[in-house]
């Protein structure tokens, strides 16, 4: 279902909705650029969100960008555990909504 080749279809958005597509890519570039938060950490954040949303495309693209930005495999492993802990914590805390009183 998830083929990286599908990303070759992205230019179609630019053809069909050029203003929104241009704005999206500009926003994406600005949001992920280094700033007060270095690029390396922004890519770890992006990977953490991608793990949560389970977007295979985002995982691969941001994995590549993270490695290029200097993220180590040890940092990846720790980020994965942070995501796992937060997802588990959200399950437990949201589970409280199932109880009365």
C-alpha atoms as a PDB file:
ATOM      1  CA  UNK A   1       0.000   0.000   0.000  1.00  0.00           C
ATOM      2  CA  UNK A   2       2.789   2.428   0.845  1.00  0.00           C
ATOM      3  CA  UNK A   3       5.135   2.762  -2.075  1.00  0.00           C
ATOM      4  CA  UNK A   4       7.684   5.559  -1.976  1.00  0.00           C
ATOM      5  CA  UNK A   5       7.117   5.860  -5.739  1.00  0.00           C
ATOM      6  CA  UNK A   6       3.731   7.388  -4.913  1.00  0.00           C
ATOM      7  CA  UNK A   7       5.568  10.533  -3.846  1.00  0.00           C
ATOM      8  CA  UNK A   8       6.341  11.129  -7.512  1.00  0.00           C
ATOM      9  CA  UNK A   9       2.669  12.058  -7.814  1.00  0.00           C
ATOM     10  CA  UNK A  10       3.055  15.088  -5.520  1.00  0.00           C
ATOM     11  CA  UNK A  11       3.530  17.536  -8.410  1.00  0.00           C
ATOM     12  CA  UNK A  12      -0.089  16.794  -9.375  1.00  0.00           C
ATOM     13  CA  UNK A  13      -1.159  18.855  -6.349  1.00  0.00           C
ATOM     14  CA  UNK A  14       0.775  21.794  -7.756  1.00  0.00           C
ATOM     15  CA  UNK A  15      -1.040  21.454 -11.054  1.00  0.00           C
ATOM     16  CA  UNK A  16      -4.487  21.152  -9.470  1.00  0.00           C
ATOM     17  CA  UNK A  17      -4.114  23.592  -6.567  1.00  0.00           C
ATOM     18  CA  UNK A  18      -1.002  25.702  -7.185  1.00  0.00           C
ATOM     19  CA  UNK A  19      -1.527  28.407  -4.556  1.00  0.00           C
ATOM     20  CA  UNK A  20      -2.290  26.026  -1.710  1.00  0.00           C
ATOM     21  CA  UNK A  21       0.501  23.668  -2.743  1.00  0.00           C
ATOM     22  CA  UNK A  22       3.066  26.477  -2.919  1.00  0.00           C
ATOM     23  CA  UNK A  23       1.936  27.757   0.477  1.00  0.00           C
ATOM     24  CA  UNK A  24       2.107  24.270   1.984  1.00  0.00           C
ATOM     25  CA  UNK A  25       5.666  23.614   0.791  1.00  0.00           C
ATOM     26  CA  UNK A  26       6.801  27.062   1.956  1.00  0.00           C
ATOM     27  CA  UNK A  27       5.274  26.417   5.386  1.00  0.00           C
ATOM     28  CA  UNK A  28       6.810  22.942   5.556  1.00  0.00           C
ATOM     29  CA  UNK A  29      10.254  24.312   4.676  1.00  0.00           C
ATOM     30  CA  UNK A  30      10.012  27.148   7.202  1.00  0.00           C
ATOM     31  CA  UNK A  31       8.709  24.921   9.995  1.00  0.00           C
ATOM     32  CA  UNK A  32      11.517  22.392   9.590  1.00  0.00           C
ATOM     33  CA  UNK A  33      14.355  24.889   9.094  1.00  0.00           C
ATOM     34  CA  UNK A  34      16.852  25.358  11.882  1.00  0.00           C
ATOM     35  CA  UNK A  35      16.065  28.187  14.267  1.00  0.00           C
ATOM     36  CA  UNK A  36      15.727  28.395  18.031  1.00  0.00           C
ATOM     37  CA  UNK A  37      15.250  24.623  17.761  1.00  0.00           C
ATOM     38  CA  UNK A  38      18.070  23.087  15.721  1.00  0.00           C
ATOM     39  CA  UNK A  39      17.220  21.098  12.578  1.00  0.00           C
ATOM     40  CA  UNK A  40      18.350  17.866  14.278  1.00  0.00           C
ATOM     41  CA  UNK A  41      15.757  18.223  17.018  1.00  0.00           C
ATOM     42  CA  UNK A  42      13.030  19.282  14.617  1.00  0.00           C
ATOM     43  CA  UNK A  43      13.621  16.079  12.657  1.00  0.00           C
ATOM     44  CA  UNK A  44      13.389  14.038  15.877  1.00  0.00           C
ATOM     45  CA  UNK A  45      10.111  15.823  16.582  1.00  0.00           C
ATOM     46  CA  UNK A  46       8.898  15.078  13.051  1.00  0.00           C
ATOM     47  CA  UNK A  47       9.791  11.416  13.459  1.00  0.00           C
ATOM     48  CA  UNK A  48       7.973  11.284  16.784  1.00  0.00           C
ATOM     49  CA  UNK A  49       4.816  12.684  15.217  1.00  0.00           C
ATOM     50  CA  UNK A  50       5.179  10.346  12.238  1.00  0.00           C
ATOM     51  CA  UNK A  51       5.474   7.375  14.591  1.00  0.00           C
ATOM     52  CA  UNK A  52       2.286   8.514  16.307  1.00  0.00           C
ATOM     53  CA  UNK A  53       0.361   9.085  13.077  1.00  0.00           C
ATOM     54  CA  UNK A  54       2.016   5.995  11.565  1.00  0.00           C
ATOM     55  CA  UNK A  55       2.730   7.752   8.281  1.00  0.00           C
ATOM     56  CA  UNK A  56       5.151   5.488   6.412  1.00  0.00           C
ATOM     57  CA  UNK A  57       6.086   8.255   3.992  1.00  0.00           C
ATOM     58  CA  UNK A  58       6.860  10.741   6.766  1.00  0.00           C
ATOM     59  CA  UNK A  59       8.852   8.119   8.649  1.00  0.00           C
ATOM     60  CA  UNK A  60      11.131   7.446   5.696  1.00  0.00           C
ATOM     61  CA  UNK A  61      11.556  11.045   4.579  1.00  0.00           C
ATOM     62  CA  UNK A  62      12.232  12.328   8.088  1.00  0.00           C
ATOM     63  CA  UNK A  63      14.475   9.356   8.902  1.00  0.00           C
ATOM     64  CA  UNK A  64      16.663  10.356   5.988  1.00  0.00           C
ATOM     65  CA  UNK A  65      16.596  14.037   6.984  1.00  0.00           C
ATOM     66  CA  UNK A  66      17.296  13.175  10.639  1.00  0.00           C
ATOM     67  CA  UNK A  67      20.340  11.109   9.768  1.00  0.00           C
ATOM     68  CA  UNK A  68      21.570  13.887   7.479  1.00  0.00           C
ATOM     69  CA  UNK A  69      21.094  16.350  10.372  1.00  0.00           C
ATOM     70  CA  UNK A  70      23.275  14.182  12.612  1.00  0.00           C
ATOM     71  CA  UNK A  71      20.717  12.151  14.550  1.00  0.00           C
ATOM     72  CA  UNK A  72      22.262   8.927  15.845  1.00  0.00           C
ATOM     73  CA  UNK A  73      20.635   5.507  16.063  1.00  0.00           C
ATOM     74  CA  UNK A  74      20.761   5.794  19.855  1.00  0.00           C
ATOM     75  CA  UNK A  75      18.779   9.048  19.641  1.00  0.00           C
ATOM     76  CA  UNK A  76      16.296   7.360  17.304  1.00  0.00           C
ATOM     77  CA  UNK A  77      15.867   4.502  19.772  1.00  0.00           C
ATOM     78  CA  UNK A  78      15.261   6.894  22.674  1.00  0.00           C
ATOM     79  CA  UNK A  79      12.760   8.916  20.626  1.00  0.00           C
ATOM     80  CA  UNK A  80      10.896   5.716  19.764  1.00  0.00           C
ATOM     81  CA  UNK A  81      10.601   4.900  23.461  1.00  0.00           C
ATOM     82  CA  UNK A  82       9.374   8.413  24.276  1.00  0.00           C
ATOM     83  CA  UNK A  83       6.640   8.030  21.645  1.00  0.00           C
ATOM     84  CA  UNK A  84       5.720   4.597  22.986  1.00  0.00           C
ATOM     85  CA  UNK A  85       5.506   5.883  26.549  1.00  0.00           C
ATOM     86  CA  UNK A  86       3.329   8.829  25.560  1.00  0.00           C
ATOM     87  CA  UNK A  87       1.002   6.706  23.476  1.00  0.00           C
ATOM     88  CA  UNK A  88       0.651   4.228  26.341  1.00  0.00           C
ATOM     89  CA  UNK A  89       0.113   7.063  28.799  1.00  0.00           C
ATOM     90  CA  UNK A  90      -2.587   8.551  26.598  1.00  0.00           C
ATOM     91  CA  UNK A  91      -4.343   5.190  26.493  1.00  0.00           C
ATOM     92  CA  UNK A  92      -4.335   4.903  30.265  1.00  0.00           C
ATOM     93  CA  UNK A  93      -5.354   8.490  30.980  1.00  0.00           C
ATOM     94  CA  UNK A  94      -8.074   8.508  28.322  1.00  0.00           C
ATOM     95  CA  UNK A  95      -9.260   5.222  29.749  1.00  0.00           C
ATOM     96  CA  UNK A  96     -10.439   7.164  32.788  1.00  0.00           C
ATOM     97  CA  UNK A  97     -13.292   8.485  30.616  1.00  0.00           C
ATOM     98  CA  UNK A  98     -14.774   5.003  30.608  1.00  0.00           C
ATOM     99  CA  UNK A  99     -15.513   5.038  34.316  1.00  0.00           C
ATOM    100  CA  UNK A 100     -18.377   6.739  36.060  1.00  0.00           C
ATOM    101  CA  UNK A 101     -17.753   8.868  39.107  1.00  0.00           C
END
